[in-house]
Amino acid sequence: MGKKKRSSAETETVLTEENAAVFELAEESQVSSDLVKSLSEICKRKTVLGYIIRDASTATIDLKEPEKLVDYAMLTSQALESGQELSQLLAVGELKSTVIEGRDIKAVCMIIGESKISVFMKKSVDHADLLNSITQ
């Protein structure tokens, strides 16, 4: 499969041979390039399924199964919002990260600066190690 590329002033879509999708919504990303580099390195692991980084005006998405984009985005968005609401309601302090475990996969959701980050992986992955890799 070759590369397909479509771009306009607002949206650019790139589909690569590795069946990963990267969407850049806006011409200039406000997401830290170091954070994207770190997540791109983590995503090379066979047990990591991809990531989503969102801020107020941009989203960077790299998923090995792009057809699950909407499901993953909705799940992690709700998990982050619910976690923040609960931490405020219960006065337990600032939410650092949330882990969602399913039957076969899990997701780690966190907020770094203005960026909301979700990393999807196989259930067997040590998410604490992955968190350390991202936040270093």
Protein backbone atom coordinates (compact mmCIF):
# COMPACT_ATOMS: atom_id res chain seq x y z
CA MET A 1 0.00 0.00 0.00
CA GLY A 2 1.42 3.37 -0.97
CA LYS A 3 1.09 6.62 0.87
CA LYS A 4 -1.98 8.80 0.46
CA LYS A 5 -1.82 12.43 1.38
CA ARG A 6 -4.52 15.07 1.31
CA SER A 7 -3.98 18.52 2.67
CA SER A 8 -5.76 21.81 2.90
CA ALA A 9 -5.29 24.93 4.97
CA GLU A 10 -7.11 23.37 7.93
CA THR A 11 -6.68 19.58 7.76
CA GLU A 12 -4.00 17.15 6.68
CA THR A 13 -4.41 13.37 6.64
CA VAL A 14 -1.56 10.93 6.15
CA LEU A 15 -2.05 7.17 5.83
CA THR A 16 1.16 5.17 6.02
CA GLU A 17 2.04 1.63 5.02
CA GLU A 18 2.17 0.59 8.68
CA ASN A 19 -1.60 1.18 8.79
CA ALA A 20 -1.22 4.05 11.25
CA ALA A 21 -2.98 7.35 10.85
CA VAL A 22 -1.64 10.72 11.89
CA PHE A 23 -3.98 13.69 11.86
CA GLU A 24 -2.73 17.21 12.38
CA LEU A 25 -5.65 19.60 12.87
CA ALA A 26 -4.23 23.10 12.32
CA GLU A 27 -1.15 24.26 10.54
CA GLU A 28 0.98 24.85 13.62
CA SER A 29 0.79 22.32 16.39
CA GLN A 30 0.99 23.61 19.95
CA VAL A 31 1.86 20.13 21.19
CA SER A 32 5.42 19.81 22.41
CA SER A 33 7.62 18.24 19.76
CA ASP A 34 9.55 16.43 22.51
CA LEU A 35 6.32 14.85 23.72
CA VAL A 36 5.42 13.73 20.19
CA LYS A 37 8.94 12.30 19.70
CA SER A 38 8.69 10.43 23.00
CA LEU A 39 5.28 8.98 22.11
CA SER A 40 6.45 8.07 18.61
CA GLU A 41 9.33 6.09 20.12
CA ILE A 42 6.99 4.35 22.56
CA CYS A 43 4.59 3.57 19.72
CA LYS A 44 7.32 1.54 17.97
CA ARG A 45 6.94 -1.14 20.63
CA LYS A 46 4.88 -4.08 19.38
CA THR A 47 2.72 -4.02 22.51
CA VAL A 48 1.73 -0.35 22.13
CA LEU A 49 -1.29 0.21 19.87
CA GLY A 50 -1.05 3.97 19.48
CA TYR A 51 -1.71 7.34 21.04
CA ILE A 52 -3.84 10.47 20.87
CA ILE A 53 -2.64 13.92 21.96
CA ARG A 54 -5.20 16.72 22.16
CA ASP A 55 -5.06 20.34 23.19
CA ALA A 56 -7.40 23.27 22.64
CA SER A 57 -6.85 23.52 18.88
CA THR A 58 -4.90 20.46 17.71
CA ALA A 59 -4.93 16.69 17.82
CA THR A 60 -2.13 14.30 16.88
CA ILE A 61 -3.20 10.69 16.45
CA ASP A 62 -1.10 7.64 15.68
CA LEU A 63 -3.05 4.38 15.85
CA LYS A 64 -2.21 1.00 14.41
CA GLU A 65 -5.96 0.40 14.02
CA PRO A 66 -7.30 3.75 12.74
CA GLU A 67 -10.83 2.34 12.40
CA LYS A 68 -11.02 2.41 16.23
CA LEU A 69 -10.23 6.13 16.41
CA VAL A 70 -13.72 7.30 17.36
CA ASP A 71 -14.17 4.58 20.00
CA TYR A 72 -10.77 5.25 21.59
CA ALA A 73 -11.21 9.04 21.48
CA MET A 74 -14.65 8.92 23.10
CA LEU A 75 -13.58 6.44 25.77
CA THR A 76 -10.49 8.34 26.85
CA SER A 77 -12.13 11.76 26.65
CA GLN A 78 -14.89 10.60 28.98
CA ALA A 79 -12.39 8.90 31.30
CA LEU A 80 -10.31 12.07 31.66
CA GLU A 81 -13.34 14.29 32.23
CA SER A 82 -14.89 11.88 34.73
CA GLY A 83 -11.60 11.49 36.58
CA GLN A 84 -11.16 15.25 36.85
CA GLU A 85 -14.75 15.73 38.07
CA LEU A 86 -14.35 13.00 40.70
CA SER A 87 -11.02 14.34 41.94
CA GLN A 88 -12.59 17.79 42.39
CA LEU A 89 -15.76 16.40 43.97
CA LEU A 90 -13.81 14.27 46.44
CA ALA A 91 -11.09 16.91 46.96
CA VAL A 92 -8.27 14.40 46.42
CA GLY A 93 -6.01 16.75 44.46
CA GLU A 94 -5.01 17.01 40.86
CA LEU A 95 -5.51 13.97 38.63
CA LYS A 96 -2.14 12.78 37.29
CA SER A 97 -3.23 9.80 35.20
CA THR A 98 -6.04 7.33 34.68
CA VAL A 99 -5.73 3.71 33.60
CA ILE A 100 -8.60 1.96 31.83
CA GLU A 101 -8.33 -1.82 31.56
CA GLY A 102 -10.40 -3.94 29.22
CA ARG A 103 -10.27 -7.63 28.43
CA ASP A 104 -7.36 -7.38 25.97
CA ILE A 105 -6.14 -3.79 26.01
CA LYS A 106 -5.70 -0.87 28.35
CA ALA A 107 -5.29 2.85 28.00
CA VAL A 108 -3.34 5.34 30.07
CA CYS A 109 -4.77 8.85 30.03
CA MET A 110 -2.94 11.87 31.43
CA ILE A 111 -2.68 15.61 31.19
CA ILE A 112 0.71 17.23 30.65
CA GLY A 113 0.51 21.01 30.51
CA GLU A 114 -2.34 21.83 28.12
CA SER A 115 -2.13 18.44 26.35
CA LYS A 116 -4.47 15.52 27.04
CA ILE A 117 -2.64 12.31 26.21
CA SER A 118 -4.00 8.80 25.77
CA VAL A 119 -1.78 5.80 25.05
CA PHE A 120 -3.31 2.46 24.06
CA MET A 121 -1.52 -0.82 24.70
CA LYS A 122 -1.93 -4.53 25.20
CA LYS A 123 -3.06 -5.42 28.70
CA SER A 124 0.27 -7.07 29.57
CA VAL A 125 2.26 -3.81 29.24
CA ASP A 126 3.63 -2.26 32.44
CA HIS A 127 1.87 1.08 32.25
CA ALA A 128 3.97 2.54 35.11
CA ASP A 129 7.10 2.04 33.00
CA LEU A 130 5.34 3.60 30.04
CA LEU A 131 4.31 6.62 32.14
CA ASN A 132 7.94 7.09 33.21
CA SER A 133 9.05 6.97 29.57
CA ILE A 134 6.58 9.71 28.64
CA THR A 135 7.20 12.06 31.55
CA GLN A 136 11.01 12.01 31.52
